[in-house]
Amino acid sequence: ALSSQAKGMNFGVRSVLPLGFACKIPHYIIQGVDDISTPYRLAEEYSK
């Protein structure tokens, strides 16, 4: 119930993209092809 209220506030962030794409540590993503919550295509493009 608490989290559902906070969701409307967007937690003060809407994207990981402002972090940039230069990660100093090994970076792995595992994504379900049929993921409809965090769609596959977006994660794949981000990883590239």
All heavy atoms as atom14 arrays in JSON, in Angstrom:
{
  "sequence": "ALSSQAKGMNFGVRSVLPLGFACKIPHYIIQGVDDISTPYRLAEEYSK",
  "atom14_mask": [
    [1, 1, 1, 1, 1, 0, 0, 0, 0, 0, 0, 0, 0, 0],
    [1, 1, 1, 1, 1, 1, 1, 1, 0, 0, 0, 0, 0, 0],
    [1, 1, 1, 1, 1, 1, 0, 0, 0, 0, 0, 0, 0, 0],
    [1, 1, 1, 1, 1, 1, 0, 0, 0, 0, 0, 0, 0, 0],
    [1, 1, 1, 1, 1, 1, 1, 1, 1, 0, 0, 0, 0, 0],
    [1, 1, 1, 1, 1, 0, 0, 0, 0, 0, 0, 0, 0, 0],
    [1, 1, 1, 1, 1, 1, 1, 1, 1, 0, 0, 0, 0, 0],
    [1, 1, 1, 1, 0, 0, 0, 0, 0, 0, 0, 0, 0, 0],
    [1, 1, 1, 1, 1, 1, 1, 1, 0, 0, 0, 0, 0, 0],
    [1, 1, 1, 1, 1, 1, 1, 1, 0, 0, 0, 0, 0, 0],
    [1, 1, 1, 1, 1, 1, 1, 1, 1, 1, 1, 0, 0, 0],
    [1, 1, 1, 1, 0, 0, 0, 0, 0, 0, 0, 0, 0, 0],
    [1, 1, 1, 1, 1, 1, 1, 0, 0, 0, 0, 0, 0, 0],
    [1, 1, 1, 1, 1, 1, 1, 1, 1, 1, 1, 0, 0, 0],
    [1, 1, 1, 1, 1, 1, 0, 0, 0, 0, 0, 0, 0, 0],
    [1, 1, 1, 1, 1, 1, 1, 0, 0, 0, 0, 0, 0, 0],
    [1, 1, 1, 1, 1, 1, 1, 1, 0, 0, 0, 0, 0, 0],
    [1, 1, 1, 1, 1, 1, 1, 0, 0, 0, 0, 0, 0, 0],
    [1, 1, 1, 1, 1, 1, 1, 1, 0, 0, 0, 0, 0, 0],
    [1, 1, 1, 1, 0, 0, 0, 0, 0, 0, 0, 0, 0, 0],
    [1, 1, 1, 1, 1, 1, 1, 1, 1, 1, 1, 0, 0, 0],
    [1, 1, 1, 1, 1, 0, 0, 0, 0, 0, 0, 0, 0, 0],
    [1, 1, 1, 1, 1, 1, 0, 0, 0, 0, 0, 0, 0, 0],
    [1, 1, 1, 1, 1, 1, 1, 1, 1, 0, 0, 0, 0, 0],
    [1, 1, 1, 1, 1, 1, 1, 1, 0, 0, 0, 0, 0, 0],
    [1, 1, 1, 1, 1, 1, 1, 0, 0, 0, 0, 0, 0, 0],
    [1, 1, 1, 1, 1, 1, 1, 1, 1, 1, 0, 0, 0, 0],
    [1, 1, 1, 1, 1, 1, 1, 1, 1, 1, 1, 1, 0, 0],
    [1, 1, 1, 1, 1, 1, 1, 1, 0, 0, 0, 0, 0, 0],
    [1, 1, 1, 1, 1, 1, 1, 1, 0, 0, 0, 0, 0, 0],
    [1, 1, 1, 1, 1, 1, 1, 1, 1, 0, 0, 0, 0, 0],
    [1, 1, 1, 1, 0, 0, 0, 0, 0, 0, 0, 0, 0, 0],
    [1, 1, 1, 1, 1, 1, 1, 0, 0, 0, 0, 0, 0, 0],
    [1, 1, 1, 1, 1, 1, 1, 1, 0, 0, 0, 0, 0, 0],
    [1, 1, 1, 1, 1, 1, 1, 1, 0, 0, 0, 0, 0, 0],
    [1, 1, 1, 1, 1, 1, 1, 1, 0, 0, 0, 0, 0, 0],
    [1, 1, 1, 1, 1, 1, 0, 0, 0, 0, 0, 0, 0, 0],
    [1, 1, 1, 1, 1, 1, 1, 0, 0, 0, 0, 0, 0, 0],
    [1, 1, 1, 1, 1, 1, 1, 0, 0, 0, 0, 0, 0, 0],
    [1, 1, 1, 1, 1, 1, 1, 1, 1, 1, 1, 1, 0, 0],
    [1, 1, 1, 1, 1, 1, 1, 1, 1, 1, 1, 0, 0, 0],
    [1, 1, 1, 1, 1, 1, 1, 1, 0, 0, 0, 0, 0, 0],
    [1, 1, 1, 1, 1, 0, 0, 0, 0, 0, 0, 0, 0, 0],
    [1, 1, 1, 1, 1, 1, 1, 1, 1, 0, 0, 0, 0, 0],
    [1, 1, 1, 1, 1, 1, 1, 1, 1, 0, 0, 0, 0, 0],
    [1, 1, 1, 1, 1, 1, 1, 1, 1, 1, 1, 1, 0, 0],
    [1, 1, 1, 1, 1, 1, 0, 0, 0, 0, 0, 0, 0, 0],
    [1, 1, 1, 1, 1, 1, 1, 1, 1, 0, 0, 0, 0, 0]
  ],
  "atom14_positions": [
    [[0.83, -1.2, 0.0], [0.0, 0.0, 0.0], [0.87, 1.26, 0.0], [0.6, 2.22, -0.73], [-0.93, -0.01, 1.21], [0.0, 0.0, 0.0], [0.0, 0.0, 0.0], [0.0, 0.0, 0.0], [0.0, 0.0, 0.0], [0.0, 0.0, 0.0], [0.0, 0.0, 0.0], [0.0, 0.0, 0.0], [0.0, 0.0, 0.0], [0.0, 0.0, 0.0]],
    [[1.91, 1.24, 0.82], [2.83, 2.38, 0.88], [3.52, 2.59, -0.47], [3.6, 3.72, -0.97], [3.88, 2.15, 1.97], [4.96, 3.21, 2.12], [4.37, 4.51, 2.64], [6.06, 2.71, 3.05], [0.0, 0.0, 0.0], [0.0, 0.0, 0.0], [0.0, 0.0, 0.0], [0.0, 0.0, 0.0], [0.0, 0.0, 0.0], [0.0, 0.0, 0.0]],
    [[4.0, 1.52, -1.07], [4.72, 1.62, -2.33], [3.82, 2.09, -3.46], [4.26, 2.82, -4.35], [5.34, 0.27, -2.7], [6.29, -0.13, -1.74], [0.0, 0.0, 0.0], [0.0, 0.0, 0.0], [0.0, 0.0, 0.0], [0.0, 0.0, 0.0], [0.0, 0.0, 0.0], [0.0, 0.0, 0.0], [0.0, 0.0, 0.0], [0.0, 0.0, 0.0]],
    [[2.56, 1.68, -3.43], [1.63, 2.11, -4.48], [1.41, 3.61, -4.43], [1.23, 4.27, -5.46], [0.3, 1.38, -4.36], [-0.38, 1.77, -3.18], [0.0, 0.0, 0.0], [0.0, 0.0, 0.0], [0.0, 0.0, 0.0], [0.0, 0.0, 0.0], [0.0, 0.0, 0.0], [0.0, 0.0, 0.0], [0.0, 0.0, 0.0], [0.0, 0.0, 0.0]],
    [[1.44, 4.18, -3.23], [1.33, 5.63, -3.1], [2.59, 6.32, -3.63], [2.53, 7.33, -4.31], [1.11, 6.02, -1.65], [-0.18, 5.51, -1.04], [-0.27, 5.84, 0.44], [-0.21, 7.0, 0.83], [-0.4, 4.82, 1.27], [0.0, 0.0, 0.0], [0.0, 0.0, 0.0], [0.0, 0.0, 0.0], [0.0, 0.0, 0.0], [0.0, 0.0, 0.0]],
    [[3.74, 5.74, -3.31], [5.01, 6.33, -3.72], [5.2, 6.26, -5.23], [5.85, 7.11, -5.82], [6.17, 5.64, -3.02], [0.0, 0.0, 0.0], [0.0, 0.0, 0.0], [0.0, 0.0, 0.0], [0.0, 0.0, 0.0], [0.0, 0.0, 0.0], [0.0, 0.0, 0.0], [0.0, 0.0, 0.0], [0.0, 0.0, 0.0], [0.0, 0.0, 0.0]],
    [[4.62, 5.24, -5.87], [4.77, 5.07, -7.32], [4.33, 6.32, -8.07], [4.94, 6.71, -9.06], [3.97, 3.87, -7.8], [4.74, 2.58, -7.83], [3.93, 1.49, -8.49], [4.74, 0.21, -8.63], [3.97, -0.86, -9.26], [0.0, 0.0, 0.0], [0.0, 0.0, 0.0], [0.0, 0.0, 0.0], [0.0, 0.0, 0.0], [0.0, 0.0, 0.0]],
    [[3.28, 6.95, -7.59], [2.79, 8.14, -8.26], [3.77, 9.29, -8.22], [3.66, 10.25, -8.99], [0.0, 0.0, 0.0], [0.0, 0.0, 0.0], [0.0, 0.0, 0.0], [0.0, 0.0, 0.0], [0.0, 0.0, 0.0], [0.0, 0.0, 0.0], [0.0, 0.0, 0.0], [0.0, 0.0, 0.0], [0.0, 0.0, 0.0], [0.0, 0.0, 0.0]],
    [[4.75, 9.18, -7.33], [5.75, 10.23, -7.22], [6.95, 9.98, -8.13], [7.86, 10.79, -8.23], [6.25, 10.33, -5.77], [5.15, 10.6, -4.77], [5.71, 10.32, -3.07], [7.04, 11.52, -2.96], [0.0, 0.0, 0.0], [0.0, 0.0, 0.0], [0.0, 0.0, 0.0], [0.0, 0.0, 0.0], [0.0, 0.0, 0.0], [0.0, 0.0, 0.0]],
    [[6.94, 8.82, -8.81], [8.02, 8.43, -9.74], [9.39, 8.34, -9.08], [10.4, 8.28, -9.76], [8.09, 9.4, -10.92], [6.86, 9.3, -11.79], [6.42, 8.21, -12.11], [6.32, 10.44, -12.16], [0.0, 0.0, 0.0], [0.0, 0.0, 0.0], [0.0, 0.0, 0.0], [0.0, 0.0, 0.0], [0.0, 0.0, 0.0], [0.0, 0.0, 0.0]],
    [[9.45, 8.36, -7.76], [10.69, 8.17, -7.03], [11.77, 9.2, -7.39], [12.94, 9.02, -7.13], [11.25, 6.76, -7.26], [10.24, 5.69, -6.98], [9.55, 5.1, -8.0], [9.97, 5.3, -5.68], [8.59, 4.12, -7.74], [9.02, 4.32, -5.41], [8.33, 3.74, -6.44], [0.0, 0.0, 0.0], [0.0, 0.0, 0.0], [0.0, 0.0, 0.0]],
    [[11.35, 10.28, -8.07], [12.32, 11.3, -8.43], [13.19, 10.92, -9.61], [14.15, 11.6, -9.92], [0.0, 0.0, 0.0], [0.0, 0.0, 0.0], [0.0, 0.0, 0.0], [0.0, 0.0, 0.0], [0.0, 0.0, 0.0], [0.0, 0.0, 0.0], [0.0, 0.0, 0.0], [0.0, 0.0, 0.0], [0.0, 0.0, 0.0], [0.0, 0.0, 0.0]],
    [[12.88, 9.83, -10.29], [13.7, 9.4, -11.43], [12.8, 8.71, -12.45], [11.82, 8.06, -12.1], [14.82, 8.45, -11.0], [14.27, 7.13, -10.5], [15.81, 8.21, -12.13], [0.0, 0.0, 0.0], [0.0, 0.0, 0.0], [0.0, 0.0, 0.0], [0.0, 0.0, 0.0], [0.0, 0.0, 0.0], [0.0, 0.0, 0.0], [0.0, 0.0, 0.0]],
    [[13.13, 8.89, -13.72], [12.33, 8.26, -14.77], [13.18, 7.44, -15.73], [12.65, 6.85, -16.66], [11.56, 9.34, -15.54], [10.6, 10.14, -14.68], [9.83, 11.15, -15.51], [8.91, 10.52, -16.43], [7.69, 10.07, -16.09], [7.27, 10.15, -14.85], [6.91, 9.53, -17.0], [0.0, 0.0, 0.0], [0.0, 0.0, 0.0], [0.0, 0.0, 0.0]],
    [[14.5, 7.42, -15.53], [15.36, 6.77, -16.5], [16.72, 6.47, -15.92], [17.2, 7.18, -15.03], [15.51, 7.69, -17.72], [16.38, 7.15, -18.68], [0.0, 0.0, 0.0], [0.0, 0.0, 0.0], [0.0, 0.0, 0.0], [0.0, 0.0, 0.0], [0.0, 0.0, 0.0], [0.0, 0.0, 0.0], [0.0, 0.0, 0.0], [0.0, 0.0, 0.0]],
    [[17.37, 5.42, -16.44], [18.77, 5.18, -16.09], [19.69, 5.79, -17.14], [20.9, 5.8, -16.99], [19.07, 3.65, -15.97], [18.23, 3.03, -14.89], [18.87, 2.94, -17.31], [0.0, 0.0, 0.0], [0.0, 0.0, 0.0], [0.0, 0.0, 0.0], [0.0, 0.0, 0.0], [0.0, 0.0, 0.0], [0.0, 0.0, 0.0], [0.0, 0.0, 0.0]],
    [[19.13, 6.31, -18.22], [19.94, 6.83, -19.32], [20.85, 7.98, -18.92], [21.98, 8.08, -19.44], [19.04, 7.23, -20.49], [18.19, 6.09, -21.08], [17.32, 6.6, -22.22], [19.08, 4.96, -21.56], [0.0, 0.0, 0.0], [0.0, 0.0, 0.0], [0.0, 0.0, 0.0], [0.0, 0.0, 0.0], [0.0, 0.0, 0.0], [0.0, 0.0, 0.0]],
    [[20.45, 8.89, -18.02], [21.37, 9.95, -17.62], [22.65, 9.45, -16.95], [23.62, 10.2, -16.81], [20.53, 10.79, -16.64], [19.12, 10.56, -17.06], [19.1, 9.12, -17.48], [0.0, 0.0, 0.0], [0.0, 0.0, 0.0], [0.0, 0.0, 0.0], [0.0, 0.0, 0.0], [0.0, 0.0, 0.0], [0.0, 0.0, 0.0], [0.0, 0.0, 0.0]],
    [[22.67, 8.16, -16.54], [23.88, 7.6, -15.96], [24.99, 7.5, -17.0], [26.16, 7.39, -16.66], [23.59, 6.22, -15.37], [22.58, 6.13, -14.23], [22.26, 4.67, -13.94], [23.1, 6.83, -12.99], [0.0, 0.0, 0.0], [0.0, 0.0, 0.0], [0.0, 0.0, 0.0], [0.0, 0.0, 0.0], [0.0, 0.0, 0.0], [0.0, 0.0, 0.0]],
    [[24.59, 7.51, -18.28], [25.56, 7.34, -19.35], [25.71, 5.87, -19.69], [25.01, 5.0, -19.16], [0.0, 0.0, 0.0], [0.0, 0.0, 0.0], [0.0, 0.0, 0.0], [0.0, 0.0, 0.0], [0.0, 0.0, 0.0], [0.0, 0.0, 0.0], [0.0, 0.0, 0.0], [0.0, 0.0, 0.0], [0.0, 0.0, 0.0], [0.0, 0.0, 0.0]],
    [[26.64, 5.56, -20.59], [26.81, 4.2, -21.06], [28.19, 3.64, -20.78], [28.51, 2.53, -21.19], [26.51, 4.13, -22.57], [25.11, 4.55, -22.91], [24.85, 5.79, -23.46], [24.05, 3.7, -22.66], [23.55, 6.18, -23.76], [22.74, 4.07, -22.96], [22.49, 5.32, -23.51], [0.0, 0.0, 0.0], [0.0, 0.0, 0.0], [0.0, 0.0, 0.0]],
    [[29.02, 4.41, -20.09], [30.36, 3.94, -19.75], [30.34, 3.35, -18.35], [30.34, 4.07, -17.36], [31.36, 5.08, -19.83], [0.0, 0.0, 0.0], [0.0, 0.0, 0.0], [0.0, 0.0, 0.0], [0.0, 0.0, 0.0], [0.0, 0.0, 0.0], [0.0, 0.0, 0.0], [0.0, 0.0, 0.0], [0.0, 0.0, 0.0], [0.0, 0.0, 0.0]],
    [[30.26, 2.02, -18.27], [30.21, 1.32, -16.99], [31.6, 0.76, -16.69], [32.19, 0.07, -17.52], [29.18, 0.19, -17.05], [28.89, -0.63, -15.48], [0.0, 0.0, 0.0], [0.0, 0.0, 0.0], [0.0, 0.0, 0.0], [0.0, 0.0, 0.0], [0.0, 0.0, 0.0], [0.0, 0.0, 0.0], [0.0, 0.0, 0.0], [0.0, 0.0, 0.0]],
    [[32.12, 1.04, -15.51], [33.49, 0.66, -15.18], [33.63, -0.77, -14.69], [34.75, -1.23, -14.44], [34.05, 1.63, -14.12], [34.17, 3.06, -14.62], [34.75, 3.97, -13.54], [34.89, 5.4, -14.04], [35.46, 6.3, -13.01], [0.0, 0.0, 0.0], [0.0, 0.0, 0.0], [0.0, 0.0, 0.0], [0.0, 0.0, 0.0], [0.0, 0.0, 0.0]],
    [[32.5, -1.46, -14.53], [32.54, -2.85, -14.08], [31.82, -3.74, -15.1], [31.04, -3.23, -15.93], [31.89, -3.02, -12.69], [30.41, -2.62, -12.74], [32.64, -2.21, -11.64], [29.66, -2.87, -11.45], [0.0, 0.0, 0.0], [0.0, 0.0, 0.0], [0.0, 0.0, 0.0], [0.0, 0.0, 0.0], [0.0, 0.0, 0.0], [0.0, 0.0, 0.0]],
    [[32.05, -5.04, -15.08], [31.31, -5.93, -15.98], [29.8, -5.75, -15.81], [29.3, -5.62, -14.68], [31.77, -7.33, -15.52], [33.15, -7.09, -15.01], [33.1, -5.76, -14.33], [0.0, 0.0, 0.0], [0.0, 0.0, 0.0], [0.0, 0.0, 0.0], [0.0, 0.0, 0.0], [0.0, 0.0, 0.0], [0.0, 0.0, 0.0], [0.0, 0.0, 0.0]],
    [[29.11, -5.72, -16.93], [27.69, -5.37, -16.94], [26.93, -6.41, -17.74], [27.16, -6.59, -18.93], [27.53, -3.99, -17.59], [26.16, -3.39, -17.48], [25.1, -3.83, -18.24], [25.68, -2.39, -16.7], [24.03, -3.11, -17.94], [24.36, -2.24, -17.01], [0.0, 0.0, 0.0], [0.0, 0.0, 0.0], [0.0, 0.0, 0.0], [0.0, 0.0, 0.0]],
    [[26.02, -7.13, -17.09], [25.28, -8.21, -17.73], [23.78, -7.97, -17.59], [23.32, -7.46, -16.56], [25.62, -9.56, -17.09], [27.11, -9.85, -17.04], [27.79, -9.9, -15.82], [27.84, -10.07, -18.2], [29.14, -10.17, -15.76], [29.2, -10.33, -18.16], [29.86, -10.38, -16.93], [31.2, -10.63, -16.88], [0.0, 0.0, 0.0], [0.0, 0.0, 0.0]],
    [[23.04, -8.34, -18.63], [21.58, -8.25, -18.58], [20.98, -9.57, -19.02], [21.4, -10.14, -20.04], [21.05, -7.11, -19.49], [21.47, -5.75, -18.92], [19.52, -7.18, -19.59], [21.04, -4.57, -19.77], [0.0, 0.0, 0.0], [0.0, 0.0, 0.0], [0.0, 0.0, 0.0], [0.0, 0.0, 0.0], [0.0, 0.0, 0.0], [0.0, 0.0, 0.0]],
    [[20.03, -10.06, -18.24], [19.25, -11.24, -18.59], [17.81, -10.8, -18.78], [17.22, -10.18, -17.88], [19.35, -12.32, -17.5], [20.76, -12.95, -17.5], [18.28, -13.39, -17.67], [21.02, -13.92, -16.37], [0.0, 0.0, 0.0], [0.0, 0.0, 0.0], [0.0, 0.0, 0.0], [0.0, 0.0, 0.0], [0.0, 0.0, 0.0], [0.0, 0.0, 0.0]],
    [[17.26, -11.09, -19.94], [15.92, -10.58, -20.27], [15.06, -11.67, -20.88], [15.48, -12.36, -21.82], [16.05, -9.41, -21.25], [14.86, -8.49, -21.28], [14.82, -7.54, -20.09], [15.76, -7.45, -19.32], [13.72, -6.82, -19.94], [0.0, 0.0, 0.0], [0.0, 0.0, 0.0], [0.0, 0.0, 0.0], [0.0, 0.0, 0.0], [0.0, 0.0, 0.0]],
    [[13.86, -11.83, -20.34], [12.9, -12.75, -20.93], [12.37, -12.18, -22.23], [11.97, -11.01, -22.3], [0.0, 0.0, 0.0], [0.0, 0.0, 0.0], [0.0, 0.0, 0.0], [0.0, 0.0, 0.0], [0.0, 0.0, 0.0], [0.0, 0.0, 0.0], [0.0, 0.0, 0.0], [0.0, 0.0, 0.0], [0.0, 0.0, 0.0], [0.0, 0.0, 0.0]],
    [[12.34, -12.99, -23.28], [11.86, -12.53, -24.58], [10.4, -12.08, -24.5], [9.99, -11.15, -25.19], [12.02, -13.66, -25.63], [11.31, -13.32, -26.93], [13.51, -13.91, -25.89], [0.0, 0.0, 0.0], [0.0, 0.0, 0.0], [0.0, 0.0, 0.0], [0.0, 0.0, 0.0], [0.0, 0.0, 0.0], [0.0, 0.0, 0.0], [0.0, 0.0, 0.0]],
    [[9.62, -12.73, -23.64], [8.2, -12.41, -23.52], [7.91, -11.45, -22.37], [6.78, -11.4, -21.88], [7.39, -13.69, -23.34], [7.48, -14.6, -24.55], [7.51, -14.08, -25.68], [7.53, -15.83, -24.39], [0.0, 0.0, 0.0], [0.0, 0.0, 0.0], [0.0, 0.0, 0.0], [0.0, 0.0, 0.0], [0.0, 0.0, 0.0], [0.0, 0.0, 0.0]],
    [[8.92, -10.7, -21.94], [8.75, -9.75, -20.86], [7.85, -8.6, -21.32], [8.17, -7.88, -22.26], [10.11, -9.2, -20.43], [10.06, -8.4, -19.14], [8.99, -7.87, -18.8], [11.12, -8.29, -18.48], [0.0, 0.0, 0.0], [0.0, 0.0, 0.0], [0.0, 0.0, 0.0], [0.0, 0.0, 0.0], [0.0, 0.0, 0.0], [0.0, 0.0, 0.0]],
    [[6.71, -8.44, -20.66], [5.81, -7.33, -21.0], [5.85, -6.22, -19.95], [5.27, -5.16, -20.15], [4.35, -7.82, -21.19], [3.84, -8.47, -19.9], [4.25, -8.75, -22.38], [2.36, -8.83, -19.93], [0.0, 0.0, 0.0], [0.0, 0.0, 0.0], [0.0, 0.0, 0.0], [0.0, 0.0, 0.0], [0.0, 0.0, 0.0], [0.0, 0.0, 0.0]],
    [[6.53, -6.46, -18.85], [6.65, -5.44, -17.8], [7.77, -4.47, -18.12], [7.59, -3.24, -18.09], [6.88, -6.09, -16.43], [5.75, -6.84, -16.05], [0.0, 0.0, 0.0], [0.0, 0.0, 0.0], [0.0, 0.0, 0.0], [0.0, 0.0, 0.0], [0.0, 0.0, 0.0], [0.0, 0.0, 0.0], [0.0, 0.0, 0.0], [0.0, 0.0, 0.0]],
    [[8.96, -5.0, -18.39], [10.08, -4.19, -18.87], [10.44, -4.76, -20.23], [11.28, -5.66, -20.33], [11.29, -4.26, -17.9], [11.59, -5.65, -17.63], [10.97, -3.57, -16.6], [0.0, 0.0, 0.0], [0.0, 0.0, 0.0], [0.0, 0.0, 0.0], [0.0, 0.0, 0.0], [0.0, 0.0, 0.0], [0.0, 0.0, 0.0], [0.0, 0.0, 0.0]],
    [[9.81, -4.28, -21.29], [9.88, -4.93, -22.61], [11.29, -5.22, -23.1], [12.21, -4.43, -22.95], [9.16, -3.93, -23.52], [8.17, -3.26, -22.61], [8.91, -3.11, -21.31], [0.0, 0.0, 0.0], [0.0, 0.0, 0.0], [0.0, 0.0, 0.0], [0.0, 0.0, 0.0], [0.0, 0.0, 0.0], [0.0, 0.0, 0.0], [0.0, 0.0, 0.0]],
    [[11.39, -6.38, -23.71], [12.65, -6.94, -24.19], [13.43, -5.97, -25.07], [14.64, -5.79, -24.9], [12.35, -8.23, -24.95], [13.55, -8.9, -25.56], [14.3, -9.83, -24.84], [13.94, -8.63, -26.87], [15.4, -10.47, -25.4], [15.03, -9.26, -27.45], [15.76, -10.17, -26.71], [16.84, -10.79, -27.27], [0.0, 0.0, 0.0], [0.0, 0.0, 0.0]],
    [[12.77, -5.35, -26.04], [13.47, -4.51, -27.01], [14.22, -3.37, -26.34], [15.35, -3.04, -26.73], [12.47, -3.94, -28.03], [13.13, -3.13, -29.15], [12.1, -2.52, -30.08], [11.32, -1.49, -29.41], [11.73, -0.23, -29.26], [12.91, 0.15, -29.7], [10.94, 0.65, -28.65], [0.0, 0.0, 0.0], [0.0, 0.0, 0.0], [0.0, 0.0, 0.0]],
    [[13.62, -2.76, -25.33], [14.27, -1.62, -24.66], [15.53, -2.07, -23.93], [16.56, -1.38, -23.99], [13.3, -0.97, -23.68], [12.0, -0.4, -24.26], [11.19, 0.28, -23.16], [12.28, 0.57, -25.4], [0.0, 0.0, 0.0], [0.0, 0.0, 0.0], [0.0, 0.0, 0.0], [0.0, 0.0, 0.0], [0.0, 0.0, 0.0], [0.0, 0.0, 0.0]],
    [[15.46, -3.21, -23.27], [16.64, -3.71, -22.54], [17.74, -4.09, -23.52], [18.93, -3.83, -23.26], [16.25, -4.9, -21.68], [0.0, 0.0, 0.0], [0.0, 0.0, 0.0], [0.0, 0.0, 0.0], [0.0, 0.0, 0.0], [0.0, 0.0, 0.0], [0.0, 0.0, 0.0], [0.0, 0.0, 0.0], [0.0, 0.0, 0.0], [0.0, 0.0, 0.0]],
    [[17.37, -4.69, -24.64], [18.37, -5.09, -25.62], [19.08, -3.87, -26.21], [20.31, -3.85, -26.35], [17.72, -5.91, -26.74], [18.71, -6.43, -27.76], [18.05, -7.2, -28.88], [16.9, -6.85, -29.26], [18.67, -8.15, -29.37], [0.0, 0.0, 0.0], [0.0, 0.0, 0.0], [0.0, 0.0, 0.0], [0.0, 0.0, 0.0], [0.0, 0.0, 0.0]],
    [[18.32, -2.85, -26.56], [18.91, -1.64, -27.14], [19.82, -0.94, -26.12], [20.89, -0.43, -26.47], [17.82, -0.69, -27.62], [17.08, -1.19, -28.85], [16.06, -0.19, -29.36], [15.88, 0.87, -28.71], [15.43, -0.47, -30.4], [0.0, 0.0, 0.0], [0.0, 0.0, 0.0], [0.0, 0.0, 0.0], [0.0, 0.0, 0.0], [0.0, 0.0, 0.0]],
    [[19.39, -0.93, -24.87], [20.2, -0.32, -23.82], [21.52, -1.07, -23.67], [22.6, -0.46, -23.6], [19.42, -0.34, -22.51], [20.21, 0.06, -21.29], [20.66, 1.36, -21.12], [20.5, -0.87, -20.3], [21.38, 1.74, -20.0], [21.22, -0.51, -19.17], [21.65, 0.8, -19.02], [22.37, 1.16, -17.91], [0.0, 0.0, 0.0], [0.0, 0.0, 0.0]],
    [[21.45, -2.39, -23.67], [22.66, -3.2, -23.51], [23.65, -2.95, -24.64], [24.87, -2.92, -24.42], [22.29, -4.69, -23.46], [23.43, -5.49, -23.31], [0.0, 0.0, 0.0], [0.0, 0.0, 0.0], [0.0, 0.0, 0.0], [0.0, 0.0, 0.0], [0.0, 0.0, 0.0], [0.0, 0.0, 0.0], [0.0, 0.0, 0.0], [0.0, 0.0, 0.0]],
    [[23.14, -2.78, -25.86], [24.02, -2.54, -27.01], [24.84, -1.26, -26.84], [25.95, -1.16, -27.37], [23.19, -2.47, -28.29], [22.64, -3.8, -28.76], [21.79, -3.63, -30.01], [21.23, -4.96, -30.49], [20.35, -4.81, -31.67], [0.0, 0.0, 0.0], [0.0, 0.0, 0.0], [0.0, 0.0, 0.0], [0.0, 0.0, 0.0], [0.0, 0.0, 0.0]]
  ]
}
